C-alpha cells in the first residue's frame, strides 16, 4: 500500500490537506482529510479537485498530480537514476515533490525534511550550460525538485546582490527556473528572451527573465533564467543558511485545472480547448474580464511570433496568498518555434477554424472570438492593435539584446518576421 501526504504552504507554513492512497500508480486516489475540510480556510488544491469528502478517482488524481512532474528526456533520466519505472508517477512524485510548482509539498507519513541551500560554483553553472538535460536531471534529483515540461530545467535560488546561485534542498524554495539550450534548436535561449521582451513591449505581463552567459554567448555557454512568479519575499522572511526564504504561492496550469492529462496537452482534433480556457476564467477569475482580455492578447501574440508550442500546460492560474482568489498567471514559455524548419507548423490548439499556422487568418480570430464569447469588435480591435505594436516591439527587443552581446537576436528577428504569423496579416488590418 502506497501513501503520500499532500501539504499546502500558506504564509510559510505547510498544512496537510489530504493524502494519496493505493496499491500503485494505476489505482491510487487522492482525498482531502476530514480535519482540512473542517478548517475555516479550506480551499481546493485544484479547480479539478473541488472540496469533497469522497476520494477522487485514480484518473482525476493522476491528471492533476502527474501534471507536477517533468516530461520527456528529463523524466526518463530521473526514473533511471531513481530505479523506478517511468510510468510510476507516485514514486517520482515522492522523490521530487518537496518543491513543486505552486505551493504543494509531497511527503510520506513520519518523514521529516529540513530546508537548506548549497552554493553552486561557477564551474557547476558552466557545466549546467554545457551538459544540458543530463546535468539538470542530476541537480533536480539532488534538490528533490519537481518542474513540469520536457526541456532540461532546474529550480535554483538566486542571490542577486552577490550574483550567486544556490541549489535548494529539502523543502527550501527556489526563486528561478533555469533552462539549458536545446541541442537541436539553435539559439533557443536568445529566442525565448527575445520573444518575452517583445511580448512585454506589446503590453503582455511576463515574469522577469535574463540570460546567464558563462562564456561568449554561444549555445553551450548560456542559460535562460526566469524569476518564479509563484514565489515572493516578505518583509519578515525567515532565513535559511543566511538567505531570506521566499514564500510559496499556489498555482496550477490549465491542463490541471481542466482535468486534462499532460499527454493530451495538444489539441489534435477539435475539442474546444480555447473555449474551455476562457470559460475557466469567466467562472473562476477574480477579474474575469481583464483576464480574458489578457489571455486573448497572449493567444494573438503567440500567432504573430510563431509559437506553435503554446499548449494548455503553458498557461497557468495563480492563487492569492489565502487561496481565495485566482487570476491568470503571467505569460511564460513563449518561443518562436516557427523559425526552426524541423518544428511543427501546427498550433497547440485550434483557433477558430484552423490549427495550422499556415491556415490561420484574421478571420480565424474573428471566428474564435465568437466561439469563446468575447465581444467580436473589441477582440478584433485588440488583434489589430497587437499587430501594429508587434514589429516595432520585436525590432527594439532584438536591438537591445544585440547591444547586450547577443547578436543572434538580429537574425532571429528577421526569421520571426519571415516564418511567424505577422507575415500573414501584414497589410490586412
Protein backbone atom coordinates (compact mmCIF):
# COMPACT_ATOMS: atom_id res chain seq x y z
CA UNK A 1 0.00 0.00 0.00
CA UNK A 2 1.36 3.40 -1.04
CA UNK A 3 0.58 6.59 0.89
CA UNK A 4 1.68 10.13 0.13
CA UNK A 5 0.89 13.13 2.32
CA UNK A 6 -0.07 16.26 0.35
CA UNK A 7 0.60 19.56 2.11
CA UNK A 8 -0.05 23.13 1.05
CA UNK A 9 2.04 26.11 2.16
CA UNK A 10 0.35 29.24 3.43
CA UNK A 11 2.41 32.15 4.73
CA UNK A 12 5.47 29.94 5.05
CA UNK A 13 3.74 27.13 6.98
CA UNK A 14 2.95 23.71 5.49
CA UNK A 15 -0.57 22.45 6.20
CA UNK A 16 -1.53 18.83 5.44
CA UNK A 17 -4.58 18.87 3.15
CA UNK A 18 -5.01 15.22 2.23
CA UNK A 19 -3.31 12.07 1.02
CA UNK A 20 -2.96 9.79 -1.98
CA UNK A 21 -3.51 6.12 -1.11
CA UNK A 22 -3.46 2.98 -3.25
CA UNK A 23 -1.56 -0.12 -4.27
CA UNK A 24 0.27 1.54 -7.16
CA UNK A 25 0.09 4.41 -9.65
CA UNK A 26 -2.83 2.84 -11.51
CA UNK A 27 -5.31 2.71 -8.62
CA UNK A 28 -4.19 5.40 -6.16
CA UNK A 29 -6.73 8.06 -5.22
CA UNK A 30 -6.47 11.47 -3.56
CA UNK A 31 -8.82 12.50 -0.77
CA UNK A 32 -8.95 15.61 1.41
CA UNK A 33 -8.55 14.97 5.13
CA UNK A 34 -11.54 15.50 7.42
CA UNK A 35 -9.56 17.97 9.51
CA UNK A 36 -8.73 20.06 6.46
CA UNK A 37 -12.32 20.04 5.20
CA UNK A 38 -13.49 21.27 8.62
CA UNK A 39 -10.99 24.13 8.75
CA UNK A 40 -12.24 27.64 8.07
CA UNK A 41 -9.57 28.35 5.46
CA UNK A 42 -10.03 25.13 3.46
CA UNK A 43 -9.66 25.70 -0.28
CA UNK A 44 -9.21 23.18 -3.12
CA UNK A 45 -5.72 22.45 -4.43
CA UNK A 46 -7.17 22.48 -7.96
CA UNK A 47 -10.30 23.60 -9.74
CA UNK A 48 -10.50 20.00 -10.96
CA UNK A 49 -10.37 18.70 -7.36
CA UNK A 50 -13.14 20.61 -5.52
CA UNK A 51 -13.59 20.20 -1.78
CA UNK A 52 -15.48 16.98 -1.06
CA UNK A 53 -15.41 14.11 1.40
CA UNK A 54 -15.29 11.34 -1.21
CA UNK A 55 -11.94 10.29 -2.71
CA UNK A 56 -11.31 11.31 -6.30
CA UNK A 57 -10.91 8.66 -8.98
CA UNK A 58 -7.46 7.37 -9.87
CA UNK A 59 -7.76 9.16 -13.24
CA UNK A 60 -8.64 12.52 -11.63
CA UNK A 61 -5.81 12.05 -9.14
CA UNK A 62 -3.27 11.20 -11.82
CA UNK A 63 -4.33 14.02 -14.14
CA UNK A 64 -3.51 16.65 -11.52
CA UNK A 65 -0.56 15.21 -9.62
CA UNK A 66 1.29 13.76 -12.61
CA UNK A 67 1.00 17.25 -14.07
CA UNK A 68 3.54 18.36 -11.45
CA UNK A 69 6.29 16.15 -12.90
CA UNK A 70 8.90 16.63 -15.61
CA UNK A 71 8.31 15.09 -19.02
CA UNK A 72 10.39 13.62 -21.84
CA UNK A 73 14.12 13.00 -21.53
CA UNK A 74 14.39 14.56 -18.07
CA UNK A 75 11.70 12.23 -16.72
CA UNK A 76 13.35 9.17 -18.28
CA UNK A 77 16.70 10.21 -16.85
CA UNK A 78 15.25 10.74 -13.39
CA UNK A 79 13.37 7.43 -13.42
CA UNK A 80 16.59 5.59 -14.30
CA UNK A 81 18.52 7.36 -11.54
CA UNK A 82 15.79 6.56 -9.00
CA UNK A 83 15.46 2.94 -10.25
CA UNK A 84 11.72 3.25 -10.82
CA UNK A 85 9.53 2.81 -13.87
CA UNK A 86 8.97 5.93 -15.95
CA UNK A 87 5.21 5.45 -15.58
CA UNK A 88 5.36 5.16 -11.79
CA UNK A 89 4.36 8.73 -11.15
CA UNK A 90 3.85 8.23 -7.41
CA UNK A 91 7.45 7.14 -6.82
CA UNK A 92 8.66 10.06 -8.94
CA UNK A 93 6.39 12.42 -7.03
CA UNK A 94 7.69 11.14 -3.72
CA UNK A 95 11.28 11.60 -4.88
CA UNK A 96 10.78 15.07 -6.36
CA UNK A 97 7.77 16.58 -4.63
CA UNK A 98 9.42 18.56 -1.82
CA UNK A 99 9.43 21.68 -4.03
CA UNK A 100 6.76 21.67 -6.74
CA UNK A 101 5.39 24.39 -8.95
CA UNK A 102 2.89 26.22 -6.80
CA UNK A 103 2.65 25.68 -3.05
CA UNK A 104 2.29 21.90 -2.74
CA UNK A 105 4.72 19.60 -0.95
CA UNK A 106 4.69 15.79 -1.10
CA UNK A 107 5.98 13.54 1.68
CA UNK A 108 5.38 10.15 3.29
CA UNK A 109 3.98 9.55 6.80
CA UNK A 110 6.51 10.19 9.54
CA UNK A 111 9.01 11.86 7.23
CA UNK A 112 10.83 14.93 8.49
CA UNK A 113 12.55 17.06 5.87
CA UNK A 114 14.76 20.05 6.57
CA UNK A 115 15.47 23.04 4.31
CA UNK A 116 18.89 24.19 3.16
CA UNK A 117 20.71 25.97 0.35
CA UNK A 118 24.09 24.94 -1.06
CA UNK A 119 26.21 27.32 -3.14
CA UNK A 120 26.72 26.37 -6.79
CA UNK A 121 30.16 27.12 -8.12
CA UNK A 122 30.75 29.00 -11.36
CA UNK A 123 32.12 25.76 -12.81
CA UNK A 124 28.87 23.94 -11.99
CA UNK A 125 26.91 26.70 -13.69
CA UNK A 126 29.13 26.26 -16.78
CA UNK A 127 28.54 22.51 -16.65
CA UNK A 128 24.80 23.08 -16.46
CA UNK A 129 25.01 25.18 -19.62
CA UNK A 130 27.29 22.74 -21.45
CA UNK A 131 25.86 19.36 -20.46
CA UNK A 132 22.17 20.03 -20.98
CA UNK A 133 19.41 17.82 -19.62
CA UNK A 134 21.69 15.24 -18.01
CA UNK A 135 23.17 17.83 -15.66
CA UNK A 136 19.77 19.35 -14.91
CA UNK A 137 18.41 15.88 -14.05
CA UNK A 138 21.31 15.42 -11.62
CA UNK A 139 20.53 18.72 -9.88
CA UNK A 140 16.79 18.04 -9.86
CA UNK A 141 17.41 14.71 -8.14
CA UNK A 142 19.72 16.32 -5.57
CA UNK A 143 17.19 19.02 -4.75
CA UNK A 144 14.06 16.80 -4.83
CA UNK A 145 12.53 19.43 -7.08
CA UNK A 146 9.63 18.79 -9.43
CA UNK A 147 9.28 21.01 -12.51
CA UNK A 148 6.94 20.30 -15.38
CA UNK A 149 7.86 20.37 -19.05
CA UNK A 150 10.03 18.43 -21.47
CA UNK A 151 13.08 20.70 -21.60
CA UNK A 152 16.07 20.38 -19.29
CA UNK A 153 15.43 22.76 -16.42
CA UNK A 154 16.18 23.13 -12.73
CA UNK A 155 14.92 25.33 -9.92
CA UNK A 156 17.64 27.43 -8.29
CA UNK A 157 17.88 30.22 -5.73
CA UNK A 158 19.46 33.46 -6.96
CA UNK A 159 21.13 35.92 -4.61
CA UNK A 160 21.05 38.97 -6.86
CA UNK A 161 23.11 41.14 -4.52
CA UNK A 162 26.07 38.80 -4.83
CA UNK A 163 25.26 37.30 -8.26
CA UNK A 164 25.37 33.85 -6.63
CA UNK A 165 23.35 30.72 -7.35
CA UNK A 166 22.25 28.14 -4.79
CA UNK A 167 20.70 24.69 -5.03
CA UNK A 168 17.61 24.40 -2.81
CA UNK A 169 17.43 21.15 -0.86
CA UNK A 170 14.65 19.57 1.17
CA UNK A 171 11.74 21.98 1.43
CA UNK A 172 13.76 25.12 0.62
CA UNK A 173 12.01 27.13 -2.13
CA UNK A 174 13.74 28.16 -5.35
CA UNK A 175 13.43 31.65 -6.83
CA UNK A 176 14.22 31.00 -10.51
CA UNK A 177 13.73 28.33 -13.14
CA UNK A 178 16.90 27.86 -15.18
CA UNK A 179 16.83 26.20 -18.60
CA UNK A 180 19.58 24.95 -20.90
CA UNK A 181 19.88 25.47 -24.63
CA UNK A 182 18.23 22.76 -26.70
CA UNK A 183 20.73 20.60 -28.57
CA UNK A 184 18.67 20.67 -31.78
CA UNK A 185 17.26 24.19 -31.74
CA UNK A 186 19.94 26.77 -32.41
CA UNK A 187 19.75 29.96 -30.38
CA UNK A 188 16.77 28.84 -28.27
CA UNK A 189 17.82 30.84 -25.19
CA UNK A 190 18.16 34.08 -27.15
CA UNK A 191 14.93 33.19 -28.92
CA UNK A 192 12.96 32.88 -25.67
CA UNK A 193 14.36 36.08 -24.21
CA UNK A 194 13.66 37.93 -27.47
CA UNK A 195 10.10 36.58 -27.57
CA UNK A 196 9.38 37.52 -23.96
CA UNK A 197 10.89 41.01 -24.25
CA UNK A 198 8.81 41.59 -27.36
CA UNK A 199 5.69 40.38 -25.55
CA UNK A 200 6.38 42.80 -22.70
CA UNK A 201 6.77 45.70 -25.15
CA UNK A 202 3.41 44.67 -26.61
CA UNK A 203 1.77 45.09 -23.20
CA UNK A 204 1.73 41.44 -22.10
CA UNK A 205 2.54 40.69 -18.47
CA UNK A 206 5.57 38.40 -18.21
CA UNK A 207 7.84 37.18 -15.45
CA UNK A 208 11.29 38.81 -15.26
CA UNK A 209 13.95 36.86 -17.15
CA UNK A 210 17.57 37.15 -18.22
CA UNK A 211 20.32 35.22 -19.98
CA UNK A 212 23.20 33.76 -17.97
CA UNK A 213 26.32 33.91 -20.13
CA UNK A 214 29.14 31.70 -18.88
CA UNK A 215 31.36 32.38 -21.90
CA UNK A 216 30.88 34.27 -25.15
CA UNK A 217 27.16 33.88 -25.80
CA UNK A 218 27.34 30.54 -27.64
CA UNK A 219 24.55 27.98 -27.12
CA UNK A 220 26.70 25.70 -24.94
CA UNK A 221 27.64 28.68 -22.75
CA UNK A 222 24.26 30.25 -21.97
CA UNK A 223 21.32 29.51 -19.71
CA UNK A 224 17.88 31.09 -19.54
CA UNK A 225 16.72 32.22 -16.09
CA UNK A 226 13.15 33.25 -15.35
CA UNK A 227 12.00 34.51 -11.97
CA UNK A 228 9.27 32.40 -10.42
CA UNK A 229 6.05 34.38 -10.12
CA UNK A 230 4.77 31.77 -7.62
CA UNK A 231 7.44 32.80 -5.09
CA UNK A 232 7.51 36.09 -3.18
CA UNK A 233 9.58 37.60 -0.41
CA UNK A 234 8.01 39.10 2.69
CA UNK A 235 9.48 41.83 4.88
CA UNK A 236 9.87 39.29 7.68
CA UNK A 237 11.05 36.35 5.55
CA UNK A 238 12.83 33.75 7.67
CA UNK A 239 16.48 32.99 6.95
CA UNK A 240 17.74 29.64 5.70
CA UNK A 241 21.53 29.33 5.63
CA UNK A 242 21.69 33.12 5.88
CA UNK A 243 19.41 33.65 2.85
CA UNK A 244 15.89 35.11 3.03
CA UNK A 245 13.45 32.32 2.27
CA UNK A 246 10.66 33.14 -0.21
CA UNK A 247 7.02 32.22 0.41
CA UNK A 248 5.17 29.91 -1.96
CA UNK A 249 2.05 30.96 -3.86
CA UNK A 250 -0.16 28.26 -5.26
CA UNK A 251 -0.64 27.84 -8.99
CA UNK A 252 -1.84 25.24 -11.48
CA UNK A 253 -1.70 25.05 -15.25
CA UNK A 254 -4.79 24.97 -17.41
CA UNK A 255 -4.48 21.23 -18.12
CA UNK A 256 -4.57 20.51 -14.38
CA UNK A 257 -7.42 22.96 -13.79
CA UNK A 258 -9.47 21.41 -16.62
CA UNK A 259 -8.67 17.83 -15.58
CA UNK A 260 -6.87 17.02 -18.83
CA UNK A 261 -3.91 14.56 -18.80
CA UNK A 262 -0.50 16.00 -19.63
CA UNK A 263 -0.22 13.73 -22.67
CA UNK A 264 -3.32 15.41 -24.13
CA UNK A 265 -1.99 18.95 -23.78
CA UNK A 266 -2.06 19.42 -27.57
CA UNK A 267 -5.45 19.61 -29.29
CA UNK A 268 -5.21 17.33 -32.34
CA UNK A 269 -8.92 17.14 -33.11
CA UNK A 270 -11.46 19.89 -32.33
CA UNK A 271 -12.28 19.59 -28.62
CA UNK A 272 -12.85 23.22 -27.73
CA UNK A 273 -9.68 23.84 -25.71
CA UNK A 274 -9.66 27.59 -26.34
CA UNK A 275 -13.32 27.97 -25.40
CA UNK A 276 -12.75 25.91 -22.24
CA UNK A 277 -9.82 28.14 -21.23
CA UNK A 278 -11.95 31.26 -21.50
CA UNK A 279 -14.84 29.55 -19.71
CA UNK A 280 -12.47 28.74 -16.84
CA UNK A 281 -11.53 32.42 -16.45
CA UNK A 282 -15.13 33.50 -16.79
CA UNK A 283 -16.18 31.17 -13.96
CA UNK A 284 -13.26 31.40 -11.54
CA UNK A 285 -11.13 34.51 -12.09
CA UNK A 286 -11.38 37.29 -9.53
CA UNK A 287 -11.32 39.70 -12.50
CA UNK A 288 -12.73 37.68 -15.41
CA UNK A 289 -12.96 40.50 -17.97
CA UNK A 290 -9.36 41.64 -17.51
CA UNK A 291 -8.01 38.09 -17.52
CA UNK A 292 -9.93 37.10 -20.64
CA UNK A 293 -8.50 40.08 -22.49
CA UNK A 294 -5.00 39.19 -21.25
CA UNK A 295 -5.42 35.62 -22.46
CA UNK A 296 -6.67 36.82 -25.84
CA UNK A 297 -3.62 39.06 -26.23
CA UNK A 298 -1.27 36.15 -25.45
CA UNK A 299 -3.01 33.91 -27.99
CA UNK A 300 -2.72 36.61 -30.67
CA UNK A 301 0.93 37.24 -29.79
CA UNK A 302 1.80 33.53 -30.00
CA UNK A 303 0.40 33.50 -33.53
CA UNK A 304 2.39 36.58 -34.57
CA UNK A 305 5.68 35.35 -33.11
CA UNK A 306 5.13 31.84 -34.49
CA UNK A 307 4.89 29.95 -31.19
CA UNK A 308 3.30 26.62 -32.10
CA UNK A 309 4.11 25.11 -28.68
CA UNK A 310 1.65 27.22 -26.66
CA UNK A 311 -0.22 24.19 -25.29
CA UNK A 312 -2.57 24.29 -22.31
CA UNK A 313 0.21 23.49 -19.80
CA UNK A 314 1.91 26.72 -20.87
CA UNK A 315 -0.92 28.79 -19.40
CA UNK A 316 -1.50 28.90 -15.66
CA UNK A 317 -3.69 30.21 -12.87
CA UNK A 318 -2.08 31.96 -9.90
CA UNK A 319 -3.78 31.92 -6.50
CA UNK A 320 -3.76 34.66 -3.87
CA UNK A 321 -1.85 34.01 -0.60
CA UNK A 322 -5.05 32.87 1.15
CA UNK A 323 -6.07 30.89 -1.96
CA UNK A 324 -9.45 32.61 -2.09
CA UNK A 325 -8.83 34.40 -5.39
CA UNK A 326 -7.43 33.16 -8.69
CA UNK A 327 -6.01 35.14 -11.61
CA UNK A 328 -4.38 34.41 -14.93
CA UNK A 329 -0.64 34.00 -14.33
CA UNK A 330 1.98 36.00 -16.24
CA UNK A 331 2.91 34.64 -19.67
CA UNK A 332 5.83 32.18 -19.89
CA UNK A 333 7.42 29.62 -22.23
CA UNK A 334 6.96 31.86 -25.28
CA UNK A 335 9.35 30.88 -28.06
CA UNK A 336 9.21 31.33 -31.83
CA UNK A 337 9.21 27.68 -32.86
CA UNK A 338 8.36 28.67 -36.44
CA UNK A 339 11.96 29.79 -37.06
CA UNK A 340 13.06 26.15 -36.86
CA UNK A 341 12.25 24.18 -40.06
CA UNK A 342 12.11 20.92 -38.09
CA UNK A 343 9.33 22.21 -35.80
CA UNK A 344 5.67 21.61 -36.50
CA UNK A 345 3.57 24.30 -38.12
CA UNK A 346 0.51 23.12 -36.22
CA UNK A 347 -0.57 25.29 -33.33
CA UNK A 348 -1.12 23.65 -29.95
CA UNK A 349 -4.89 24.15 -30.15
CA UNK A 350 -7.48 25.24 -32.70
CA UNK A 351 -8.08 28.95 -33.19
CA UNK A 352 -11.42 29.36 -34.86
CA UNK A 353 -11.50 27.03 -37.84
CA UNK A 354 -7.75 26.42 -38.16
CA UNK A 355 -4.95 24.53 -36.45
CA UNK A 356 -2.00 25.12 -38.78
CA UNK A 357 -0.11 28.39 -38.53
CA UNK A 358 -0.23 28.48 -42.32
CA UNK A 359 -4.04 28.26 -42.35
CA UNK A 360 -4.69 30.91 -39.71
CA UNK A 361 -6.07 34.24 -40.92
CA UNK A 362 -7.59 37.31 -39.36
CA UNK A 363 -11.00 35.69 -39.92
CA UNK A 364 -9.87 32.68 -37.86
CA UNK A 365 -9.55 35.01 -34.90
CA UNK A 366 -12.90 36.59 -35.66
CA UNK A 367 -14.49 33.12 -35.56
CA UNK A 368 -12.60 32.29 -32.36
CA UNK A 369 -13.83 35.49 -30.67
CA UNK A 370 -17.43 34.45 -31.34
CA UNK A 371 -16.81 30.88 -30.14
CA UNK A 372 -15.23 31.89 -26.84
CA UNK A 373 -17.87 34.51 -26.05
CA UNK A 374 -15.59 37.53 -26.35
CA UNK A 375 -17.06 40.62 -27.95
CA UNK A 376 -16.06 40.37 -31.62
CA UNK A 377 -15.49 44.08 -32.25
CA UNK A 378 -13.44 44.51 -29.08
CA UNK A 379 -11.44 41.31 -29.73
CA UNK A 380 -10.56 42.35 -33.27
CA UNK A 381 -9.58 45.85 -32.17
CA UNK A 382 -7.11 44.24 -29.79
CA UNK A 383 -5.95 41.89 -32.55
CA UNK A 384 -5.22 44.84 -34.84
CA UNK A 385 -3.53 46.80 -32.05
CA UNK A 386 -1.25 43.83 -31.30
CA UNK A 387 -0.33 43.57 -34.99
CA UNK A 388 0.55 47.27 -35.08
CA UNK A 389 2.77 47.03 -32.00
CA UNK A 390 4.47 43.76 -32.89
CA UNK A 391 7.13 44.73 -35.43
CA UNK A 392 8.41 47.83 -33.58
CA UNK A 393 8.50 45.83 -30.34
CA UNK A 394 10.39 42.95 -31.98
CA UNK A 395 12.96 45.27 -33.55
CA UNK A 396 13.53 47.19 -30.31
CA UNK A 397 13.96 43.96 -28.36
CA UNK A 398 16.36 42.46 -30.90
CA UNK A 399 18.44 45.63 -30.92
CA UNK A 400 18.61 45.68 -27.11
CA UNK A 401 19.75 42.04 -26.97
CA UNK A 402 22.37 42.60 -29.66
CA UNK A 403 23.75 45.52 -27.63
CA UNK A 404 23.97 43.21 -24.60
CA UNK A 405 26.18 40.80 -26.55
CA UNK A 406 23.67 38.51 -28.25
CA UNK A 407 23.84 39.46 -31.95
CA UNK A 408 21.93 36.30 -32.90
CA UNK A 409 18.80 38.23 -31.87
CA UNK A 410 19.01 40.29 -35.08
CA UNK A 411 18.99 37.15 -37.22
CA UNK A 412 16.09 35.74 -35.19
CA UNK A 413 14.17 38.99 -35.68
CA UNK A 414 14.26 38.53 -39.43
CA UNK A 415 13.38 34.86 -39.28
CA UNK A 416 10.40 35.55 -36.99
CA UNK A 417 9.06 38.08 -39.50
CA UNK A 418 9.52 35.56 -42.32
CA UNK A 419 8.06 32.50 -40.61
CA UNK A 420 5.59 33.72 -37.97
CA UNK A 421 2.02 34.90 -38.28
CA UNK A 422 2.88 38.57 -38.80
CA UNK A 423 3.70 37.91 -42.47
CA UNK A 424 0.18 36.56 -42.99
CA UNK A 425 -1.65 39.59 -41.63
CA UNK A 426 0.60 42.46 -42.69
CA UNK A 427 -1.35 44.82 -44.88
CA UNK A 428 -4.72 43.32 -43.89
CA UNK A 429 -5.59 45.49 -40.87
